[in-house]
Amino acid sequence: MNSVLEIEMALRQLPPQERWEIARWLLEDLQESNLSHAEGKGSDDNGGRTPPLPDYAARRRRIFGDKVLPNMVLVARAEEPW
């Protein structure tokens, strides 16, 4: 069997019970390889969690120093004629 089509045709000729056994084995194998692949990535991968967010406060301090910037949302709300 050299192609996926040949493998698919051979699987279709098997009885349903044997096809289910092969499907279970394949799923277990894929899960195991996925887990071992995830573990093999090392410490640079943070386990599927979201990456750490940038420190916007530190960036603002680096750009503007110790200046206190007004909260433009609060300024705009104060100017609204409710």
N, C-alpha and C. Protein backbone atom coordinates (compact mmCIF):
# COMPACT_ATOMS: atom_id res chain seq x y z
N MET A 1 0.85 -1.18 0.00
CA MET A 1 0.00 0.00 0.00
C MET A 1 0.89 1.23 0.00
N ASN A 2 0.79 1.98 -1.06
CA ASN A 2 1.66 3.13 -1.21
C ASN A 2 0.93 4.46 -1.12
N SER A 3 -0.37 4.45 -1.20
CA SER A 3 -1.08 5.71 -1.18
C SER A 3 -2.21 5.68 -0.16
N VAL A 4 -2.67 6.84 0.17
CA VAL A 4 -3.77 6.96 1.12
C VAL A 4 -5.03 6.31 0.54
N LEU A 5 -5.20 6.44 -0.74
CA LEU A 5 -6.38 5.85 -1.39
C LEU A 5 -6.38 4.32 -1.24
N GLU A 6 -5.22 3.70 -1.40
CA GLU A 6 -5.13 2.24 -1.24
C GLU A 6 -5.42 1.84 0.21
N ILE A 7 -4.90 2.63 1.15
CA ILE A 7 -5.15 2.33 2.57
C ILE A 7 -6.63 2.49 2.88
N GLU A 8 -7.24 3.54 2.36
CA GLU A 8 -8.67 3.76 2.59
C GLU A 8 -9.49 2.62 2.02
N MET A 9 -9.16 2.18 0.82
CA MET A 9 -9.91 1.07 0.21
C MET A 9 -9.75 -0.21 1.02
N ALA A 10 -8.54 -0.47 1.54
CA ALA A 10 -8.31 -1.66 2.35
C ALA A 10 -9.09 -1.58 3.66
N LEU A 11 -9.15 -0.40 4.25
CA LEU A 11 -9.91 -0.23 5.50
C LEU A 11 -11.40 -0.44 5.27
N ARG A 12 -11.90 0.02 4.15
CA ARG A 12 -13.33 -0.14 3.86
C ARG A 12 -13.71 -1.61 3.66
N GLN A 13 -12.75 -2.45 3.31
CA GLN A 13 -13.04 -3.86 3.11
C GLN A 13 -13.06 -4.64 4.42
N LEU A 14 -12.57 -4.03 5.50
CA LEU A 14 -12.57 -4.71 6.80
C LEU A 14 -13.96 -4.70 7.41
N PRO A 15 -14.24 -5.64 8.30
CA PRO A 15 -15.51 -5.62 9.03
C PRO A 15 -15.56 -4.38 9.95
N PRO A 16 -16.78 -3.91 10.24
CA PRO A 16 -16.90 -2.68 11.04
C PRO A 16 -16.19 -2.75 12.39
N GLN A 17 -16.22 -3.89 13.05
CA GLN A 17 -15.58 -4.00 14.36
C GLN A 17 -14.07 -3.75 14.25
N GLU A 18 -13.44 -4.31 13.24
CA GLU A 18 -12.00 -4.10 13.05
C GLU A 18 -11.68 -2.67 12.67
N ARG A 19 -12.57 -2.05 11.88
CA ARG A 19 -12.36 -0.64 11.54
C ARG A 19 -12.42 0.23 12.78
N TRP A 20 -13.37 -0.07 13.71
CA TRP A 20 -13.46 0.69 14.96
C TRP A 20 -12.20 0.50 15.79
N GLU A 21 -11.66 -0.71 15.84
CA GLU A 21 -10.43 -0.95 16.59
C GLU A 21 -9.27 -0.14 16.02
N ILE A 22 -9.18 -0.10 14.70
CA ILE A 22 -8.12 0.68 14.06
C ILE A 22 -8.33 2.17 14.34
N ALA A 23 -9.59 2.63 14.28
CA ALA A 23 -9.88 4.04 14.54
C ALA A 23 -9.52 4.41 15.98
N ARG A 24 -9.86 3.54 16.94
CA ARG A 24 -9.49 3.80 18.34
C ARG A 24 -7.98 3.86 18.52
N TRP A 25 -7.29 2.88 17.90
CA TRP A 25 -5.83 2.86 18.00
C TRP A 25 -5.23 4.13 17.41
N LEU A 26 -5.75 4.54 16.25
CA LEU A 26 -5.22 5.73 15.60
C LEU A 26 -5.45 6.98 16.45
N LEU A 27 -6.63 7.12 17.03
CA LEU A 27 -6.90 8.27 17.89
C LEU A 27 -5.99 8.28 19.11
N GLU A 28 -5.80 7.11 19.74
CA GLU A 28 -4.91 7.04 20.90
C GLU A 28 -3.48 7.38 20.50
N ASP A 29 -3.05 6.90 19.36
CA ASP A 29 -1.69 7.18 18.90
C ASP A 29 -1.52 8.68 18.62
N LEU A 30 -2.52 9.28 17.99
CA LEU A 30 -2.44 10.71 17.71
C LEU A 30 -2.40 11.53 19.00
N GLN A 31 -3.21 11.15 20.00
CA GLN A 31 -3.22 11.87 21.27
C GLN A 31 -1.88 11.72 21.97
N GLU A 32 -1.31 10.52 21.98
CA GLU A 32 -0.02 10.31 22.61
C GLU A 32 1.08 11.10 21.91
N SER A 33 1.08 11.10 20.60
CA SER A 33 2.11 11.84 19.87
C SER A 33 1.94 13.34 20.06
N ASN A 34 0.69 13.79 20.18
CA ASN A 34 0.43 15.20 20.42
C ASN A 34 0.93 15.60 21.80
N LEU A 35 0.68 14.76 22.80
CA LEU A 35 1.16 15.05 24.15
C LEU A 35 2.68 15.03 24.21
N SER A 36 3.31 14.04 23.60
CA SER A 36 4.76 13.97 23.64
C SER A 36 5.38 15.12 22.86
N HIS A 37 4.73 15.54 21.79
CA HIS A 37 5.22 16.70 21.03
C HIS A 37 5.12 17.97 21.86
N ALA A 38 4.03 18.13 22.60
CA ALA A 38 3.85 19.31 23.44
C ALA A 38 4.86 19.33 24.58
N GLU A 39 5.15 18.16 25.15
CA GLU A 39 6.13 18.08 26.24
C GLU A 39 7.54 18.31 25.72
N GLY A 40 7.80 17.93 24.50
CA GLY A 40 9.14 18.05 23.93
C GLY A 40 9.51 19.46 23.53
N LYS A 41 8.56 20.37 23.51
CA LYS A 41 8.85 21.74 23.11
C LYS A 41 9.73 22.46 24.12
N GLY A 42 9.67 22.07 25.37
CA GLY A 42 10.53 22.67 26.37
C GLY A 42 9.86 23.81 27.10
N SER A 43 10.68 24.59 27.77
CA SER A 43 10.15 25.64 28.64
C SER A 43 9.75 26.89 27.88
N ASP A 44 10.13 27.01 26.59
CA ASP A 44 9.75 28.22 25.87
C ASP A 44 8.27 28.22 25.51
N ASP A 45 7.63 27.07 25.53
CA ASP A 45 6.18 27.01 25.30
C ASP A 45 5.49 27.13 26.64
N ASN A 46 4.45 27.96 26.72
CA ASN A 46 3.77 28.15 28.01
C ASN A 46 2.53 27.29 28.12
N GLY A 47 2.55 26.10 27.53
CA GLY A 47 1.52 25.11 27.75
C GLY A 47 0.17 25.44 27.15
N GLY A 48 0.13 26.14 26.02
CA GLY A 48 -1.14 26.44 25.39
C GLY A 48 -1.85 27.63 25.99
N ARG A 49 -1.26 28.24 27.00
CA ARG A 49 -1.89 29.42 27.59
C ARG A 49 -1.64 30.63 26.69
N THR A 50 -2.34 31.70 26.95
CA THR A 50 -2.13 32.91 26.17
C THR A 50 -0.75 33.48 26.48
N PRO A 51 -0.12 34.09 25.52
CA PRO A 51 1.20 34.66 25.77
C PRO A 51 1.11 35.82 26.75
N PRO A 52 2.19 36.12 27.44
CA PRO A 52 2.14 37.23 28.39
C PRO A 52 1.91 38.55 27.65
N LEU A 53 1.08 39.39 28.24
CA LEU A 53 0.77 40.67 27.62
C LEU A 53 1.90 41.67 27.86
N PRO A 54 2.09 42.60 26.96
CA PRO A 54 3.13 43.60 27.15
C PRO A 54 2.78 44.51 28.33
N ASP A 55 3.80 45.05 28.96
CA ASP A 55 3.62 45.94 30.10
C ASP A 55 3.42 47.35 29.56
N TYR A 56 2.14 47.72 29.37
CA TYR A 56 1.84 49.02 28.79
C TYR A 56 2.21 50.16 29.73
N ALA A 57 2.10 49.95 31.02
CA ALA A 57 2.47 50.99 31.97
C ALA A 57 3.96 51.29 31.89
N ALA A 58 4.78 50.26 31.78
CA ALA A 58 6.23 50.46 31.66
C ALA A 58 6.56 51.17 30.35
N ARG A 59 5.87 50.83 29.28
CA ARG A 59 6.10 51.49 28.00
C ARG A 59 5.72 52.96 28.09
N ARG A 60 4.57 53.25 28.73
CA ARG A 60 4.15 54.64 28.89
C ARG A 60 5.17 55.42 29.70
N ARG A 61 5.68 54.83 30.80
CA ARG A 61 6.69 55.52 31.62
C ARG A 61 7.97 55.75 30.83
N ARG A 62 8.35 54.78 29.98
CA ARG A 62 9.56 54.93 29.17
C ARG A 62 9.39 56.07 28.17
N ILE A 63 8.20 56.22 27.60
CA ILE A 63 7.97 57.26 26.59
C ILE A 63 7.75 58.63 27.23
N PHE A 64 6.87 58.70 28.23
CA PHE A 64 6.46 59.99 28.78
C PHE A 64 7.12 60.33 30.11
N GLY A 65 7.83 59.42 30.72
CA GLY A 65 8.44 59.69 32.02
C GLY A 65 7.40 59.66 33.12
N ASP A 66 7.51 60.58 34.07
CA ASP A 66 6.61 60.61 35.22
C ASP A 66 5.41 61.53 35.02
N LYS A 67 5.16 61.96 33.81
CA LYS A 67 4.00 62.82 33.55
C LYS A 67 2.71 62.07 33.85
N VAL A 68 1.76 62.78 34.38
CA VAL A 68 0.44 62.19 34.64
C VAL A 68 -0.45 62.57 33.46
N LEU A 69 -0.91 61.55 32.75
CA LEU A 69 -1.74 61.79 31.58
C LEU A 69 -3.21 61.77 31.99
N PRO A 70 -4.00 62.68 31.44
CA PRO A 70 -5.43 62.67 31.78
C PRO A 70 -6.13 61.48 31.14
N ASN A 71 -7.13 61.00 31.83
CA ASN A 71 -7.95 59.92 31.29
C ASN A 71 -8.95 60.56 30.33
N MET A 72 -8.72 60.38 29.04
CA MET A 72 -9.52 61.09 28.04
C MET A 72 -10.97 60.64 28.05
N VAL A 73 -11.26 59.44 28.50
CA VAL A 73 -12.64 58.98 28.58
C VAL A 73 -13.38 59.79 29.64
N LEU A 74 -12.74 59.98 30.79
CA LEU A 74 -13.37 60.75 31.85
C LEU A 74 -13.55 62.21 31.44
N VAL A 75 -12.57 62.77 30.73
CA VAL A 75 -12.68 64.15 30.25
C VAL A 75 -13.85 64.27 29.28
N ALA A 76 -13.99 63.32 28.36
CA ALA A 76 -15.08 63.37 27.38
C ALA A 76 -16.43 63.20 28.07
N ARG A 77 -16.51 62.33 29.08
CA ARG A 77 -17.76 62.16 29.81
C ARG A 77 -18.15 63.42 30.58
N ALA A 78 -17.14 64.09 31.12
CA ALA A 78 -17.43 65.31 31.88
C ALA A 78 -17.95 66.41 30.97
N GLU A 79 -17.54 66.39 29.71
CA GLU A 79 -17.97 67.43 28.77
C GLU A 79 -19.33 67.13 28.16
N GLU A 80 -19.84 65.93 28.30
CA GLU A 80 -21.14 65.57 27.73
C GLU A 80 -22.27 66.25 28.49
N PRO A 81 -23.21 66.83 27.78
CA PRO A 81 -24.37 67.44 28.45
C PRO A 81 -25.43 66.37 28.74
N TRP A 82 -25.35 65.72 29.85
CA TRP A 82 -26.31 64.67 30.19
C TRP A 82 -27.59 65.31 30.52
